[in-house]
Amino acid sequence: MVLARLLPNDKRFFDYFRKDVDNALEVAQCLHDLLENYTEVERKTRRVRDLEHQGDEITHQIFDALNRTFVTPFDRDDITILAGRLDDFVDAIEEATRRIWLYRIDEPTQGARVLARIISDQASLFACSVPLLEHKKEWKRLLRCTIDINRLENEADEILGRALSGMFDGAEDVRGIIKGIRWGEIYQHLEDATDRAENVANTLERIVVKNV
């Protein structure tokens, strides 16, 4: 009975996480748009930065709510970890876009475009799966989403391997070598985003297993 009375307060965590994954999805879509439609790079980079700040604010709201709530819908440590891992995902994307702008990249590589598409697809799966935490009857569907997120991470590893192997193709002088090194940094942050998406999926799986 006590838990039932507290459930209305618990619901705010689900609301916060819905906002968080919607924000993460918009960040990922901005990255995808940046690399597919390579114009207005500075404006698009600023937009990602602004969204990253919004994500930080949502994370702060989640932590503040934790400090004010006695009973949470699931383990408070898992709430902290999930919020932090979503924040890590967004941070990796922001770092990639910042370097694309900072290094004045002439044209995105095909590998970067494919990785951006994978990251956007992973974020779409966040947006579908995280709201399902509120409904136990939907947890099987949630777990299918986490499997797809992990599958996309494996796909990203293959794409990254091919991209890195050709990173210095055509580099005939110092300028070409520097260009390759810069792309290596960008690829690293794109890979970080896919890895951090996998971390989100693993956290969701752990929450489900602990609460079935």
Protein backbone atom coordinates (compact mmCIF):
# COMPACT_ATOMS: atom_id res chain seq x y z
CA MET A 1 0.00 0.00 0.00
CA VAL A 2 2.84 2.39 0.82
CA LEU A 3 4.47 1.70 -2.56
CA ALA A 4 1.19 2.28 -4.36
CA ARG A 5 0.86 5.69 -2.74
CA LEU A 6 4.39 6.58 -3.82
CA LEU A 7 4.02 5.49 -7.44
CA PRO A 8 2.88 8.93 -8.68
CA ASN A 9 6.20 10.34 -7.46
CA ASP A 10 8.11 7.49 -9.11
CA LYS A 11 6.60 8.29 -12.48
CA ARG A 12 8.75 11.37 -12.84
CA PHE A 13 11.84 9.19 -13.39
CA PHE A 14 10.22 7.64 -16.43
CA ASP A 15 9.32 11.13 -17.65
CA TYR A 16 12.91 12.29 -17.19
CA PHE A 17 14.27 9.30 -19.06
CA ARG A 18 11.83 9.85 -21.92
CA LYS A 19 13.12 13.42 -22.22
CA ASP A 20 16.69 12.16 -21.99
CA VAL A 21 16.38 9.61 -24.79
CA ASP A 22 14.45 12.05 -26.98
CA ASN A 23 17.31 14.50 -26.52
CA ALA A 24 19.89 11.81 -27.29
CA LEU A 25 17.97 10.88 -30.44
CA GLU A 26 17.95 14.49 -31.64
CA VAL A 27 21.71 14.74 -31.02
CA ALA A 28 22.32 11.56 -33.03
CA GLN A 29 20.06 12.76 -35.84
CA CYS A 30 21.96 16.06 -35.94
CA LEU A 31 25.22 14.13 -36.37
CA HIS A 32 23.68 12.06 -39.16
CA ASP A 33 22.34 15.17 -40.89
CA LEU A 34 25.70 16.92 -40.53
CA LEU A 35 27.55 14.15 -42.33
CA GLU A 36 24.88 13.42 -44.94
CA ASN A 37 24.22 17.09 -45.75
CA TYR A 38 27.61 18.65 -45.20
CA THR A 39 26.66 22.32 -45.04
CA GLU A 40 26.39 24.91 -42.25
CA VAL A 41 28.85 22.89 -40.20
CA GLU A 42 29.33 25.53 -37.50
CA ARG A 43 25.59 26.03 -36.99
CA LYS A 44 24.96 22.29 -36.78
CA THR A 45 27.86 21.85 -34.39
CA ARG A 46 26.46 24.58 -32.13
CA ARG A 47 23.09 22.83 -32.19
CA VAL A 48 24.67 19.59 -30.98
CA ARG A 49 26.50 21.50 -28.25
CA ASP A 50 23.25 23.14 -27.12
CA LEU A 51 21.49 19.78 -27.03
CA GLU A 52 24.38 18.31 -25.05
CA HIS A 53 23.86 21.06 -22.46
CA GLN A 54 20.14 20.23 -22.37
CA GLY A 55 21.05 16.61 -21.73
CA ASP A 56 23.30 17.66 -18.86
CA GLU A 57 20.38 19.55 -17.34
CA ILE A 58 18.11 16.49 -17.59
CA THR A 59 20.80 14.36 -15.95
CA HIS A 60 21.03 16.92 -13.13
CA GLN A 61 17.24 16.77 -12.70
CA ILE A 62 17.40 12.97 -12.41
CA PHE A 63 20.12 13.12 -9.76
CA ASP A 64 18.25 15.84 -7.88
CA ALA A 65 15.06 13.76 -7.94
CA LEU A 66 17.00 10.78 -6.59
CA ASN A 67 18.12 12.83 -3.62
CA ARG A 68 14.52 13.82 -2.90
CA THR A 69 12.82 10.44 -3.41
CA PHE A 70 12.61 7.69 -0.80
CA VAL A 71 11.19 4.94 -3.04
CA THR A 72 12.31 4.65 -6.66
CA PRO A 73 10.77 2.51 -9.44
CA PHE A 74 13.98 0.46 -9.63
CA ASP A 75 17.37 0.42 -7.93
CA ARG A 76 18.67 3.96 -7.49
CA ASP A 77 22.17 2.86 -8.51
CA ASP A 78 20.77 1.64 -11.82
CA ILE A 79 18.98 4.96 -12.31
CA THR A 80 22.29 6.73 -11.74
CA ILE A 81 24.14 4.44 -14.14
CA LEU A 82 21.51 4.67 -16.89
CA ALA A 83 21.47 8.47 -16.70
CA GLY A 84 25.25 8.60 -16.77
CA ARG A 85 25.55 6.26 -19.74
CA LEU A 86 23.03 8.20 -21.78
CA ASP A 87 25.04 11.31 -20.97
CA ASP A 88 28.24 9.55 -22.07
CA PHE A 89 26.63 8.65 -25.40
CA VAL A 90 25.70 12.26 -26.09
CA ASP A 91 29.12 13.50 -24.98
CA ALA A 92 30.87 11.22 -27.50
CA ILE A 93 28.73 12.55 -30.34
CA GLU A 94 29.39 16.14 -29.27
CA GLU A 95 33.13 15.47 -29.24
CA ALA A 96 32.98 14.00 -32.76
CA THR A 97 31.03 16.94 -34.19
CA ARG A 98 33.29 19.44 -32.43
CA ARG A 99 36.37 17.93 -34.02
CA ILE A 100 34.76 17.81 -37.44
CA TRP A 101 34.21 21.57 -37.14
CA LEU A 102 37.54 22.29 -35.42
CA TYR A 103 39.60 20.47 -38.06
CA ARG A 104 37.70 22.10 -40.92
CA ILE A 105 37.05 18.75 -42.56
CA ASP A 106 36.58 19.21 -46.31
CA GLU A 107 34.25 16.27 -46.87
CA PRO A 108 33.07 13.40 -44.65
CA THR A 109 34.27 9.91 -45.47
CA GLN A 110 31.85 7.15 -46.37
CA GLY A 111 32.88 5.30 -43.21
CA ALA A 112 31.96 8.29 -41.05
CA ARG A 113 28.58 8.56 -42.76
CA VAL A 114 27.83 4.90 -42.12
CA LEU A 115 28.89 5.18 -38.48
CA ALA A 116 26.64 8.22 -38.06
CA ARG A 117 23.73 6.23 -39.49
CA ILE A 118 24.43 3.40 -37.03
CA ILE A 119 24.58 5.85 -34.12
CA SER A 120 21.27 7.38 -35.19
CA ASP A 121 19.71 3.91 -35.43
CA GLN A 122 20.96 3.06 -31.94
CA ALA A 123 19.46 6.27 -30.56
CA SER A 124 16.15 5.44 -32.25
CA LEU A 125 16.19 2.14 -30.37
CA PHE A 126 16.79 4.05 -27.11
CA ALA A 127 13.74 6.16 -27.85
CA CYS A 128 11.68 3.00 -28.40
CA SER A 129 13.04 0.92 -25.52
CA VAL A 130 13.60 3.21 -22.54
CA PRO A 131 9.92 4.26 -22.23
CA LEU A 132 9.06 0.54 -22.02
CA LEU A 133 10.75 0.35 -18.61
CA GLU A 134 7.51 1.68 -17.17
CA HIS A 135 5.51 -1.33 -18.44
CA LYS A 136 6.66 -4.81 -17.42
CA LYS A 137 4.48 -6.46 -20.03
CA GLU A 138 6.63 -4.72 -22.66
CA TRP A 139 9.98 -5.88 -21.30
CA LYS A 140 10.40 -8.66 -23.88
CA ARG A 141 10.07 -6.02 -26.55
CA LEU A 142 12.57 -3.86 -24.69
CA LEU A 143 15.08 -6.71 -24.65
CA ARG A 144 14.70 -7.18 -28.40
CA CYS A 145 15.69 -3.53 -28.79
CA THR A 146 18.80 -4.04 -26.68
CA ILE A 147 19.81 -6.99 -28.85
CA ASP A 148 19.50 -4.77 -31.92
CA ILE A 149 21.59 -2.04 -30.27
CA ASN A 150 24.36 -4.56 -29.60
CA ARG A 151 24.11 -5.92 -33.14
CA LEU A 152 24.60 -2.40 -34.49
CA GLU A 153 27.66 -1.96 -32.29
CA ASN A 154 29.18 -5.09 -33.83
CA GLU A 155 28.39 -3.71 -37.28
CA ALA A 156 30.10 -0.45 -36.33
CA ASP A 157 33.25 -2.34 -35.30
CA GLU A 158 33.48 -3.84 -38.79
CA ILE A 159 32.94 -0.47 -40.47
CA LEU A 160 35.53 1.14 -38.21
CA GLY A 161 38.11 -1.52 -38.99
CA ARG A 162 37.76 -0.90 -42.71
CA ALA A 163 37.85 2.87 -42.23
CA LEU A 164 41.00 2.76 -40.12
CA SER A 165 42.78 0.46 -42.54
CA GLY A 166 42.35 3.04 -45.30
CA MET A 167 42.93 6.11 -43.16
CA PHE A 168 46.25 7.02 -44.77
CA ASP A 169 45.42 5.96 -48.31
CA GLY A 170 46.69 8.64 -50.68
CA ALA A 171 48.66 10.43 -47.95
CA GLU A 172 51.72 11.59 -49.89
CA ASP A 173 52.89 14.42 -47.64
CA VAL A 174 52.69 15.78 -44.11
CA ARG A 175 49.33 17.38 -44.82
CA GLY A 176 47.90 14.03 -45.86
CA ILE A 177 49.29 12.36 -42.75
CA ILE A 178 47.81 15.07 -40.51
CA LYS A 179 44.46 14.60 -42.23
CA GLY A 180 44.62 10.89 -41.49
CA ILE A 181 45.48 11.50 -37.85
CA ARG A 182 42.56 13.89 -37.49
CA TRP A 183 40.18 11.39 -39.00
CA GLY A 184 41.54 8.83 -36.55
CA GLU A 185 40.42 11.07 -33.69
CA ILE A 186 36.99 11.56 -35.22
CA TYR A 187 36.58 7.83 -35.78
CA GLN A 188 37.57 7.21 -32.16
CA HIS A 189 34.76 9.42 -30.88
CA LEU A 190 32.26 7.86 -33.29
CA GLU A 191 33.32 4.43 -32.05
CA ASP A 192 32.99 5.67 -28.46
CA ALA A 193 29.38 6.63 -29.21
CA THR A 194 28.53 3.14 -30.52
CA ASP A 195 30.28 1.53 -27.53
CA ARG A 196 28.43 3.78 -25.11
CA ALA A 197 25.16 2.87 -26.80
CA GLU A 198 26.00 -0.75 -26.05
CA ASN A 199 26.59 0.26 -22.41
CA VAL A 200 23.10 1.76 -22.31
CA ALA A 201 21.67 -1.48 -23.71
CA ASN A 202 23.54 -3.56 -21.14
CA THR A 203 22.22 -1.34 -18.34
CA LEU A 204 18.65 -1.77 -19.58
CA GLU A 205 19.12 -5.54 -19.67
CA ARG A 206 20.45 -5.53 -16.11
CA ILE A 207 17.49 -3.50 -14.87
CA VAL A 208 15.05 -5.95 -16.44
CA VAL A 209 16.85 -9.02 -15.07
CA LYS A 210 16.92 -7.55 -11.55
CA ASN A 211 13.22 -6.65 -11.58
CA VAL A 212 11.40 -9.51 -13.33
